[in-house]
Protein backbone atom coordinates (compact mmCIF):
# COMPACT_ATOMS: atom_id res chain seq x y z
CA UNK A 1 146.75 154.92 135.79
CA UNK A 2 144.53 158.17 136.11
CA UNK A 3 141.16 159.01 134.80
CA UNK A 4 141.17 161.93 132.20
CA UNK A 5 138.24 163.64 130.65
CA UNK A 6 138.15 164.90 127.04
CA UNK A 7 136.10 168.26 126.56
CA UNK A 8 135.05 169.63 123.14
CA UNK A 9 133.44 172.81 122.21
CA UNK A 10 130.12 172.18 120.43
CA UNK A 11 129.48 173.73 117.10
CA UNK A 12 127.07 176.63 117.31
CA UNK A 13 126.45 179.97 115.34
CA UNK A 14 127.00 183.57 116.42
CA UNK A 15 124.36 186.29 116.15
CA UNK A 16 125.11 186.68 112.33
CA UNK A 17 124.80 182.90 111.59
CA UNK A 18 128.51 182.19 111.31
CA UNK A 19 129.75 178.96 112.69
CA UNK A 20 131.69 179.16 115.89
CA UNK A 21 132.83 176.84 118.64
CA UNK A 22 130.49 176.97 121.66
CA UNK A 23 130.77 175.93 125.25
CA UNK A 24 132.99 172.92 125.87
CA UNK A 25 131.08 169.73 127.09
CA UNK A 26 132.62 166.45 128.24
CA UNK A 27 132.60 163.93 125.50
CA UNK A 28 134.59 161.13 127.14
CA UNK A 29 136.77 159.63 129.68
CA UNK A 30 139.88 157.50 129.45
CA UNK A 31 142.35 155.61 131.70
CA UNK A 32 145.71 157.06 130.98
CA UNK A 33 149.42 157.40 132.24
CA UNK A 34 150.13 160.98 133.00
CA UNK A 35 153.71 162.21 133.15
CA UNK A 36 154.61 165.91 134.08
CA UNK A 37 156.82 167.64 131.59
CA UNK A 38 159.91 169.50 132.91
CA UNK A 39 160.37 172.83 131.44
CA UNK A 40 162.92 175.50 132.15
CA UNK A 41 161.77 179.07 131.59
CA UNK A 42 163.94 182.06 130.92
CA UNK A 43 162.22 184.60 133.28
CA UNK A 44 162.46 188.43 133.25
CA UNK A 45 163.14 190.32 136.48
CA UNK A 46 159.50 190.87 137.46
CA UNK A 47 157.93 187.81 135.84
CA UNK A 48 157.16 184.61 137.63
CA UNK A 49 155.78 182.29 134.92
CA UNK A 50 154.47 178.70 135.64
CA UNK A 51 154.31 176.06 133.04
CA UNK A 52 151.79 173.31 133.64
CA UNK A 53 152.28 170.59 131.01
CA UNK A 54 151.69 166.78 130.90
CA UNK A 55 152.40 163.97 128.38
CA UNK A 56 149.47 161.54 128.38
CA UNK A 57 149.62 157.97 127.14
CA UNK A 58 146.29 156.37 126.45
CA UNK A 59 146.44 152.58 125.67
CA UNK A 60 143.79 151.20 123.47
CA UNK A 61 142.97 148.97 120.57
CA UNK A 62 141.67 151.88 118.32
CA UNK A 63 142.42 155.57 118.22
CA UNK A 64 140.74 157.92 120.88
CA UNK A 65 139.48 160.63 118.48
CA UNK A 66 141.04 163.35 120.58
CA UNK A 67 141.69 166.57 118.39
CA UNK A 68 144.10 169.38 118.66
CA UNK A 69 141.29 171.72 119.57
CA UNK A 70 140.06 169.61 122.51
CA UNK A 71 140.58 170.39 126.23
CA UNK A 72 141.79 167.58 128.58
CA UNK A 73 140.83 167.55 132.27
CA UNK A 74 143.84 166.27 134.06
CA UNK A 75 144.50 166.28 137.78
CA UNK A 76 141.69 168.70 138.38
CA UNK A 77 142.77 171.21 135.57
CA UNK A 78 141.15 171.76 132.18
CA UNK A 79 144.17 172.17 129.80
CA UNK A 80 144.27 172.67 126.04
CA UNK A 81 145.85 170.02 123.88
CA UNK A 82 149.29 171.13 122.41
CA UNK A 83 149.82 170.13 118.94
CA UNK A 84 148.40 167.12 117.13
CA UNK A 85 147.72 163.82 119.08
CA UNK A 86 150.34 161.27 118.13
CA UNK A 87 149.95 157.65 117.28
CA UNK A 88 151.73 155.20 119.75
CA UNK A 89 152.94 152.11 117.84
CA UNK A 90 154.91 149.14 119.29
CA UNK A 91 158.26 148.01 117.77
CA UNK A 92 156.27 145.83 115.24
CA UNK A 93 154.30 148.78 114.02
CA UNK A 94 151.06 147.76 115.72
CA UNK A 95 148.85 150.48 117.12
CA UNK A 96 148.73 150.48 121.03
CA UNK A 97 147.44 153.93 121.74
CA UNK A 98 147.63 157.68 121.55
CA UNK A 99 150.07 160.16 123.04
CA UNK A 100 148.80 163.66 123.72
CA UNK A 101 150.61 166.72 125.28
CA UNK A 102 148.56 169.13 127.12
CA UNK A 103 149.47 172.34 128.90
CA UNK A 104 149.36 176.00 129.61
CA UNK A 105 151.77 178.84 130.77
CA UNK A 106 150.56 181.19 133.40
CA UNK A 107 152.30 184.34 134.53
């Protein structure tokens, strides 16, 4: 189990008064199982991309509240959530946690 942090941009307004997402702040921490995702890239001759991606399993008795727009700090990196967080049910259909995929591509 590892500790992860959830970061969320706080609502604010731009100079014209339009609502925008502000600087992210930490809103919570969870104990989670973190598994790296293996991705094979098709690279161009001069490219050297790196995918950093993890699947995170968070056990709990109620949903975490993590959103698709959140950032997750895992293993020292602040990574965006990829897609919608998923509900983790057991074979009997009882909720046991959330599953979140985070990651980015560099290069």
